[in-house]
Amino acid sequence: MDSSFIKKIEKAKDYAVQPDRIKIKTYLAEFRGDNGNHTITYEGEQWHCDCDYYVGRENCTHVMAMQIMLEGMVSTEAVAS
């Protein structure tokens, strides 16, 4: 491994501990819940989940978990849609 690549690896490690450098614009994830899998999306500062609870209330534990996990990387203005 050449020294240039080693420096890139070190820089990547530095970035990895600075999540405030990252702003997520679009996100798609599969959440493995206790009662099945659910699709979570984030786009245009809007969250969405395909679970039944979310459909009736526009928020759910799956979205809340993602908001906690991605804190600082998604807009603080982001809302469930």
PDB file of N, CA and C in Angstrom:
ATOM      1  N   MET A   1       0.860  -1.170   0.000  1.00  0.00           N
ATOM      2  CA  MET A   1       0.000   0.000   0.000  1.00  0.00           C
ATOM      3  C   MET A   1       0.905   1.232   0.000  1.00  0.00           C
ATOM      4  N   ASP A   2       0.625   2.165  -0.905  1.00  0.00           N
ATOM      5  CA  ASP A   2       1.498   3.338  -0.974  1.00  0.00           C
ATOM      6  C   ASP A   2       1.116   4.377   0.073  1.00  0.00           C
ATOM      7  N   SER A   3       2.031   5.306   0.333  1.00  0.00           N
ATOM      8  CA  SER A   3       1.826   6.299   1.400  1.00  0.00           C
ATOM      9  C   SER A   3       0.648   7.220   1.108  1.00  0.00           C
ATOM     10  N   SER A   4       0.379   7.492  -0.159  1.00  0.00           N
ATOM     11  CA  SER A   4      -0.756   8.342  -0.520  1.00  0.00           C
ATOM     12  C   SER A   4      -2.072   7.690  -0.086  1.00  0.00           C
ATOM     13  N   PHE A   5      -2.192   6.394  -0.327  1.00  0.00           N
ATOM     14  CA  PHE A   5      -3.409   5.680   0.052  1.00  0.00           C
ATOM     15  C   PHE A   5      -3.540   5.580   1.564  1.00  0.00           C
ATOM     16  N   ILE A   6      -2.452   5.392   2.249  1.00  0.00           N
ATOM     17  CA  ILE A   6      -2.465   5.344   3.716  1.00  0.00           C
ATOM     18  C   ILE A   6      -2.963   6.671   4.277  1.00  0.00           C
ATOM     19  N   LYS A   7      -2.538   7.785   3.684  1.00  0.00           N
ATOM     20  CA  LYS A   7      -3.006   9.108   4.121  1.00  0.00           C
ATOM     21  C   LYS A   7      -4.505   9.260   3.879  1.00  0.00           C
ATOM     22  N   LYS A   8      -4.997   8.707   2.770  1.00  0.00           N
ATOM     23  CA  LYS A   8      -6.436   8.771   2.477  1.00  0.00           C
ATOM     24  C   LYS A   8      -7.230   7.975   3.517  1.00  0.00           C
ATOM     25  N   ILE A   9      -6.708   6.838   3.926  1.00  0.00           N
ATOM     26  CA  ILE A   9      -7.372   6.031   4.953  1.00  0.00           C
ATOM     27  C   ILE A   9      -7.432   6.799   6.270  1.00  0.00           C
ATOM     28  N   GLU A  10      -6.352   7.449   6.642  1.00  0.00           N
ATOM     29  CA  GLU A  10      -6.321   8.241   7.877  1.00  0.00           C
ATOM     30  C   GLU A  10      -7.306   9.404   7.801  1.00  0.00           C
ATOM     31  N   LYS A  11      -7.385  10.057   6.643  1.00  0.00           N
ATOM     32  CA  LYS A  11      -8.330  11.164   6.468  1.00  0.00           C
ATOM     33  C   LYS A  11      -9.768  10.648   6.578  1.00  0.00           C
ATOM     34  N   ALA A  12     -10.038   9.489   6.004  1.00  0.00           N
ATOM     35  CA  ALA A  12     -11.372   8.891   6.096  1.00  0.00           C
ATOM     36  C   ALA A  12     -11.739   8.607   7.551  1.00  0.00           C
ATOM     37  N   LYS A  13     -10.790   8.120   8.330  1.00  0.00           N
ATOM     38  CA  LYS A  13     -11.035   7.864   9.754  1.00  0.00           C
ATOM     39  C   LYS A  13     -11.339   9.159  10.492  1.00  0.00           C
ATOM     40  N   ASP A  14     -10.638  10.239  10.149  1.00  0.00           N
ATOM     41  CA  ASP A  14     -10.919  11.544  10.752  1.00  0.00           C
ATOM     42  C   ASP A  14     -12.336  11.994  10.415  1.00  0.00           C
ATOM     43  N   TYR A  15     -12.726  11.868   9.146  1.00  0.00           N
ATOM     44  CA  TYR A  15     -14.078  12.240   8.721  1.00  0.00           C
ATOM     45  C   TYR A  15     -15.142  11.416   9.447  1.00  0.00           C
ATOM     46  N   ALA A  16     -14.869  10.144   9.651  1.00  0.00           N
ATOM     47  CA  ALA A  16     -15.851   9.238  10.248  1.00  0.00           C
ATOM     48  C   ALA A  16     -16.246   9.639  11.666  1.00  0.00           C
ATOM     49  N   VAL A  17     -15.391  10.340  12.375  1.00  0.00           N
ATOM     50  CA  VAL A  17     -15.713  10.773  13.736  1.00  0.00           C
ATOM     51  C   VAL A  17     -16.212  12.216  13.766  1.00  0.00           C
ATOM     52  N   GLN A  18     -16.534  12.763  12.594  1.00  0.00           N
ATOM     53  CA  GLN A  18     -17.058  14.122  12.482  1.00  0.00           C
ATOM     54  C   GLN A  18     -18.367  14.108  11.680  1.00  0.00           C
ATOM     55  N   PRO A  19     -19.423  13.518  12.236  1.00  0.00           N
ATOM     56  CA  PRO A  19     -20.669  13.406  11.469  1.00  0.00           C
ATOM     57  C   PRO A  19     -21.276  14.749  11.081  1.00  0.00           C
ATOM     58  N   ASP A  20     -20.875  15.826  11.746  1.00  0.00           N
ATOM     59  CA  ASP A  20     -21.402  17.143  11.393  1.00  0.00           C
ATOM     60  C   ASP A  20     -20.929  17.593  10.007  1.00  0.00           C
ATOM     61  N   ARG A  21     -19.960  16.927   9.431  1.00  0.00           N
ATOM     62  CA  ARG A  21     -19.498  17.229   8.075  1.00  0.00           C
ATOM     63  C   ARG A  21     -20.464  16.694   7.017  1.00  0.00           C
ATOM     64  N   ILE A  22     -21.358  15.805   7.417  1.00  0.00           N
ATOM     65  CA  ILE A  22     -22.235  15.127   6.466  1.00  0.00           C
ATOM     66  C   ILE A  22     -23.662  15.635   6.621  1.00  0.00           C
ATOM     67  N   LYS A  23     -24.280  15.990   5.513  1.00  0.00           N
ATOM     68  CA  LYS A  23     -25.700  16.329   5.476  1.00  0.00           C
ATOM     69  C   LYS A  23     -26.360  15.397   4.478  1.00  0.00           C
ATOM     70  N   ILE A  24     -27.243  14.563   4.962  1.00  0.00           N
ATOM     71  CA  ILE A  24     -27.930  13.603   4.108  1.00  0.00           C
ATOM     72  C   ILE A  24     -29.098  14.302   3.432  1.00  0.00           C
ATOM     73  N   LYS A  25     -29.173  14.162   2.117  1.00  0.00           N
ATOM     74  CA  LYS A  25     -30.242  14.781   1.328  1.00  0.00           C
ATOM     75  C   LYS A  25     -31.345  13.775   1.005  1.00  0.00           C
ATOM     76  N   THR A  26     -30.963  12.555   0.667  1.00  0.00           N
ATOM     77  CA  THR A  26     -31.903  11.495   0.321  1.00  0.00           C
ATOM     78  C   THR A  26     -31.441  10.208   0.985  1.00  0.00           C
ATOM     79  N   TYR A  27     -32.402   9.444   1.512  1.00  0.00           N
ATOM     80  CA  TYR A  27     -32.047   8.245   2.264  1.00  0.00           C
ATOM     81  C   TYR A  27     -33.135   7.201   2.059  1.00  0.00           C
ATOM     82  N   LEU A  28     -32.738   5.973   1.839  1.00  0.00           N
ATOM     83  CA  LEU A  28     -33.667   4.852   1.732  1.00  0.00           C
ATOM     84  C   LEU A  28     -33.085   3.699   2.534  1.00  0.00           C
ATOM     85  N   ALA A  29     -33.875   3.164   3.439  1.00  0.00           N
ATOM     86  CA  ALA A  29     -33.372   2.074   4.277  1.00  0.00           C
ATOM     87  C   ALA A  29     -34.475   1.050   4.522  1.00  0.00           C
ATOM     88  N   GLU A  30     -34.058  -0.177   4.748  1.00  0.00           N
ATOM     89  CA  GLU A  30     -34.981  -1.207   5.195  1.00  0.00           C
ATOM     90  C   GLU A  30     -34.740  -1.414   6.681  1.00  0.00           C
ATOM     91  N   PHE A  31     -35.783  -1.273   7.461  1.00  0.00           N
ATOM     92  CA  PHE A  31     -35.713  -1.411   8.912  1.00  0.00           C
ATOM     93  C   PHE A  31     -36.293  -2.771   9.274  1.00  0.00           C
ATOM     94  N   ARG A  32     -35.516  -3.599   9.936  1.00  0.00           N
ATOM     95  CA  ARG A  32     -36.003  -4.910  10.372  1.00  0.00           C
ATOM     96  C   ARG A  32     -36.643  -4.763  11.742  1.00  0.00           C
ATOM     97  N   GLY A  33     -37.944  -4.609  11.756  1.00  0.00           N
ATOM     98  CA  GLY A  33     -38.678  -4.452  13.005  1.00  0.00           C
ATOM     99  C   GLY A  33     -39.052  -5.796  13.611  1.00  0.00           C
ATOM    100  N   ASP A  34     -39.595  -5.760  14.809  1.00  0.00           N
ATOM    101  CA  ASP A  34     -40.011  -6.984  15.498  1.00  0.00           C
ATOM    102  C   ASP A  34     -41.164  -7.687  14.775  1.00  0.00           C
ATOM    103  N   ASN A  35     -41.988  -6.914  14.065  1.00  0.00           N
ATOM    104  CA  ASN A  35     -43.164  -7.477  13.391  1.00  0.00           C
ATOM    105  C   ASN A  35     -43.029  -7.491  11.875  1.00  0.00           C
ATOM    106  N   GLY A  36     -41.838  -7.327  11.364  1.00  0.00           N
ATOM    107  CA  GLY A  36     -41.624  -7.337   9.916  1.00  0.00           C
ATOM    108  C   GLY A  36     -40.682  -6.224   9.497  1.00  0.00           C
ATOM    109  N   ASN A  37     -40.358  -6.229   8.225  1.00  0.00           N
ATOM    110  CA  ASN A  37     -39.467  -5.210   7.679  1.00  0.00           C
ATOM    111  C   ASN A  37     -40.269  -4.017   7.176  1.00  0.00           C
ATOM    112  N   HIS A  38     -39.671  -2.835   7.272  1.00  0.00           N
ATOM    113  CA  HIS A  38     -40.329  -1.609   6.828  1.00  0.00           C
ATOM    114  C   HIS A  38     -39.347  -0.765   6.035  1.00  0.00           C
ATOM    115  N   THR A  39     -39.882  -0.047   5.054  1.00  0.00           N
ATOM    116  CA  THR A  39     -39.066   0.850   4.249  1.00  0.00           C
ATOM    117  C   THR A  39     -39.170   2.254   4.818  1.00  0.00           C
ATOM    118  N   ILE A  40     -38.017   2.849   5.111  1.00  0.00           N
ATOM    119  CA  ILE A  40     -37.930   4.213   5.637  1.00  0.00           C
ATOM    120  C   ILE A  40     -37.297   5.068   4.542  1.00  0.00           C
ATOM    121  N   THR A  41     -37.894   6.229   4.273  1.00  0.00           N
ATOM    122  CA  THR A  41     -37.296   7.152   3.309  1.00  0.00           C
ATOM    123  C   THR A  41     -37.161   8.535   3.924  1.00  0.00           C
ATOM    124  N   TYR A  42     -36.183   9.261   3.421  1.00  0.00           N
ATOM    125  CA  TYR A  42     -35.964  10.657   3.804  1.00  0.00           C
ATOM    126  C   TYR A  42     -35.609  11.391   2.519  1.00  0.00           C
ATOM    127  N   GLU A  43     -36.415  12.369   2.165  1.00  0.00           N
ATOM    128  CA  GLU A  43     -36.156  13.142   0.956  1.00  0.00           C
ATOM    129  C   GLU A  43     -36.820  14.503   1.093  1.00  0.00           C
ATOM    130  N   GLY A  44     -36.110  15.535   0.696  1.00  0.00           N
ATOM    131  CA  GLY A  44     -36.662  16.879   0.792  1.00  0.00           C
ATOM    132  C   GLY A  44     -37.050  17.254   2.204  1.00  0.00           C
ATOM    133  N   GLU A  45     -36.243  16.823   3.165  1.00  0.00           N
ATOM    134  CA  GLU A  45     -36.479  17.076   4.587  1.00  0.00           C
ATOM    135  C   GLU A  45     -37.792  16.470   5.083  1.00  0.00           C
ATOM    136  N   GLN A  46     -38.235  15.404   4.437  1.00  0.00           N
ATOM    137  CA  GLN A  46     -39.459  14.705   4.816  1.00  0.00           C
ATOM    138  C   GLN A  46     -39.150  13.232   5.074  1.00  0.00           C
ATOM    139  N   TRP A  47     -39.625  12.704   6.188  1.00  0.00           N
ATOM    140  CA  TRP A  47     -39.494  11.291   6.523  1.00  0.00           C
ATOM    141  C   TRP A  47     -40.766  10.562   6.116  1.00  0.00           C
ATOM    142  N   HIS A  48     -40.644   9.266   5.833  1.00  0.00           N
ATOM    143  CA  HIS A  48     -41.809   8.427   5.560  1.00  0.00           C
ATOM    144  C   HIS A  48     -41.478   6.981   5.933  1.00  0.00           C
ATOM    145  N   CYS A  49     -42.464   6.266   6.448  1.00  0.00           N
ATOM    146  CA  CYS A  49     -42.331   4.837   6.752  1.00  0.00           C
ATOM    147  C   CYS A  49     -43.587   4.133   6.241  1.00  0.00           C
ATOM    148  N   ASP A  50     -43.429   2.901   5.794  1.00  0.00           N
ATOM    149  CA  ASP A  50     -44.579   2.167   5.265  1.00  0.00           C
ATOM    150  C   ASP A  50     -45.317   1.328   6.314  1.00  0.00           C
ATOM    151  N   CYS A  51     -44.990   1.498   7.602  1.00  0.00           N
ATOM    152  CA  CYS A  51     -45.690   0.721   8.636  1.00  0.00           C
ATOM    153  C   CYS A  51     -47.092   1.292   8.891  1.00  0.00           C
ATOM    154  N   ASP A  52     -47.978   0.446   9.408  1.00  0.00           N
ATOM    155  CA  ASP A  52     -49.362   0.846   9.667  1.00  0.00           C
ATOM    156  C   ASP A  52     -49.460   1.987  10.671  1.00  0.00           C
ATOM    157  N   TYR A  53     -48.636   1.970  11.700  1.00  0.00           N
ATOM    158  CA  TYR A  53     -48.683   3.017  12.722  1.00  0.00           C
ATOM    159  C   TYR A  53     -48.382   4.377  12.099  1.00  0.00           C
ATOM    160  N   TYR A  54     -47.374   4.430  11.233  1.00  0.00           N
ATOM    161  CA  TYR A  54     -46.988   5.688  10.594  1.00  0.00           C
ATOM    162  C   TYR A  54     -48.121   6.240   9.732  1.00  0.00           C
ATOM    163  N   VAL A  55     -48.790   5.360   9.005  1.00  0.00           N
ATOM    164  CA  VAL A  55     -49.850   5.792   8.095  1.00  0.00           C
ATOM    165  C   VAL A  55     -50.917   6.590   8.838  1.00  0.00           C
ATOM    166  N   GLY A  56     -51.276   6.190  10.033  1.00  0.00           N
ATOM    167  CA  GLY A  56     -52.314   6.882  10.790  1.00  0.00           C
ATOM    168  C   GLY A  56     -51.839   8.071  11.597  1.00  0.00           C
ATOM    169  N   ARG A  57     -50.533   8.153  11.874  1.00  0.00           N
ATOM    170  CA  ARG A  57     -50.044   9.187  12.792  1.00  0.00           C
ATOM    171  C   ARG A  57     -48.909  10.045  12.245  1.00  0.00           C
ATOM    172  N   GLU A  58     -48.383   9.675  11.082  1.00  0.00           N
ATOM    173  CA  GLU A  58     -47.272  10.390  10.448  1.00  0.00           C
ATOM    174  C   GLU A  58     -46.011  10.440  11.304  1.00  0.00           C
ATOM    175  N   ASN A  59     -45.836   9.447  12.167  1.00  0.00           N
ATOM    176  CA  ASN A  59     -44.596   9.243  12.913  1.00  0.00           C
ATOM    177  C   ASN A  59     -44.637   7.833  13.483  1.00  0.00           C
ATOM    178  N   CYS A  60     -43.475   7.260  13.741  1.00  0.00           N
ATOM    179  CA  CYS A  60     -43.425   5.900  14.276  1.00  0.00           C
ATOM    180  C   CYS A  60     -42.057   5.659  14.901  1.00  0.00           C
ATOM    181  N   THR A  61     -41.928   4.524  15.570  1.00  0.00           N
ATOM    182  CA  THR A  61     -40.658   4.199  16.219  1.00  0.00           C
ATOM    183  C   THR A  61     -39.532   4.018  15.207  1.00  0.00           C
ATOM    184  N   HIS A  62     -39.855   3.556  14.009  1.00  0.00           N
ATOM    185  CA  HIS A  62     -38.826   3.342  12.986  1.00  0.00           C
ATOM    186  C   HIS A  62     -38.213   4.678  12.557  1.00  0.00           C
ATOM    187  N   VAL A  63     -39.076   5.671  12.285  1.00  0.00           N
ATOM    188  CA  VAL A  63     -38.593   7.005  11.905  1.00  0.00           C
ATOM    189  C   VAL A  63     -37.859   7.645  13.073  1.00  0.00           C
ATOM    190  N   MET A  64     -38.414   7.535  14.277  1.00  0.00           N
ATOM    191  CA  MET A  64     -37.748   8.134  15.437  1.00  0.00           C
ATOM    192  C   MET A  64     -36.363   7.532  15.651  1.00  0.00           C
ATOM    193  N   ALA A  65     -36.232   6.215  15.467  1.00  0.00           N
ATOM    194  CA  ALA A  65     -34.923   5.567  15.614  1.00  0.00           C
ATOM    195  C   ALA A  65     -33.937   6.109  14.586  1.00  0.00           C
ATOM    196  N   MET A  66     -34.390   6.287  13.347  1.00  0.00           N
ATOM    197  CA  MET A  66     -33.506   6.812  12.303  1.00  0.00           C
ATOM    198  C   MET A  66     -33.112   8.259  12.601  1.00  0.00           C
ATOM    199  N   GLN A  67     -34.048   9.050  13.114  1.00  0.00           N
ATOM    200  CA  GLN A  67     -33.733  10.438  13.471  1.00  0.00           C
ATOM    201  C   GLN A  67     -32.657  10.483  14.551  1.00  0.00           C
ATOM    202  N   ILE A  68     -32.738   9.584  15.519  1.00  0.00           N
ATOM    203  CA  ILE A  68     -31.730   9.529  16.580  1.00  0.00           C
ATOM    204  C   ILE A  68     -30.388   9.093  16.001  1.00  0.00           C
ATOM    205  N   MET A  69     -30.405   8.044  15.179  1.00  0.00           N
ATOM    206  CA  MET A  69     -29.165   7.525  14.597  1.00  0.00           C
ATOM    207  C   MET A  69     -28.473   8.539  13.694  1.00  0.00           C
ATOM    208  N   LEU A  70     -29.259   9.334  12.975  1.00  0.00           N
ATOM    209  CA  LEU A  70     -28.698  10.266  11.995  1.00  0.00           C
ATOM    210  C   LEU A  70     -28.655  11.702  12.507  1.00  0.00           C
ATOM    211  N   GLU A  71     -28.830  11.879  13.803  1.00  0.00           N
ATOM    212  CA  GLU A  71     -28.822  13.219  14.391  1.00  0.00           C
ATOM    213  C   GLU A  71     -27.572  13.977  13.961  1.00  0.00           C
ATOM    214  N   GLY A  72     -27.787  15.183  13.489  1.00  0.00           N
ATOM    215  CA  GLY A  72     -26.689  16.014  13.020  1.00  0.00           C
ATOM    216  C   GLY A  72     -26.399  15.839  11.539  1.00  0.00           C
ATOM    217  N   MET A  73     -26.901  14.749  10.944  1.00  0.00           N
ATOM    218  CA  MET A  73     -26.652  14.503   9.522  1.00  0.00           C
ATOM    219  C   MET A  73     -27.875  14.778   8.661  1.00  0.00           C
ATOM    220  N   VAL A  74     -29.035  14.963   9.296  1.00  0.00           N
ATOM    221  CA  VAL A  74     -30.240  15.367   8.580  1.00  0.00           C
ATOM    222  C   VAL A  74     -30.676  16.712   9.138  1.00  0.00           C
ATOM    223  N   SER A  75     -31.452  17.423   8.379  1.00  0.00           N
ATOM    224  CA  SER A  75     -31.894  18.750   8.780  1.00  0.00           C
ATOM    225  C   SER A  75     -32.668  18.699  10.095  1.00  0.00           C
ATOM    226  N   THR A  76     -32.436  19.668  10.954  1.00  0.00           N
ATOM    227  CA  THR A  76     -33.211  19.755  12.195  1.00  0.00           C
ATOM    228  C   THR A  76     -34.642  20.188  11.894  1.00  0.00           C
ATOM    229  N   GLU A  77     -34.869  20.683  10.683  1.00  0.00           N
ATOM    230  CA  GLU A  77     -36.208  21.081  10.253  1.00  0.00           C
ATOM    231  C   GLU A  77     -36.992  19.897   9.698  1.00  0.00           C
ATOM    232  N   ALA A  78     -36.348  18.759   9.538  1.00  0.00           N
ATOM    233  CA  ALA A  78     -36.986  17.595   8.927  1.00  0.00           C
ATOM    234  C   ALA A  78     -38.181  17.145   9.750  1.00  0.00           C
ATOM    235  N   VAL A  79     -39.248  16.820   9.051  1.00  0.00           N
ATOM    236  CA  VAL A  79     -40.470  16.370   9.704  1.00  0.00           C
ATOM    237  C   VAL A  79     -40.943  15.084   9.050  1.00  0.00           C
ATOM    238  N   ALA A  80     -41.797  14.387   9.751  1.00  0.00           N
ATOM    239  CA  ALA A  80     -42.437  13.221   9.159  1.00  0.00           C
ATOM    240  C   ALA A  80     -43.522  13.716   8.219  1.00  0.00           C
ATOM    241  N   SER A  81     -43.732  13.014   7.118  1.00  0.00           N
ATOM    242  CA  SER A  81     -44.758  13.446   6.153  1.00  0.00           C
ATOM    243  C   SER A  81     -45.838  12.413   6.021  1.00  0.00           C
TER     244      SER A  81
END
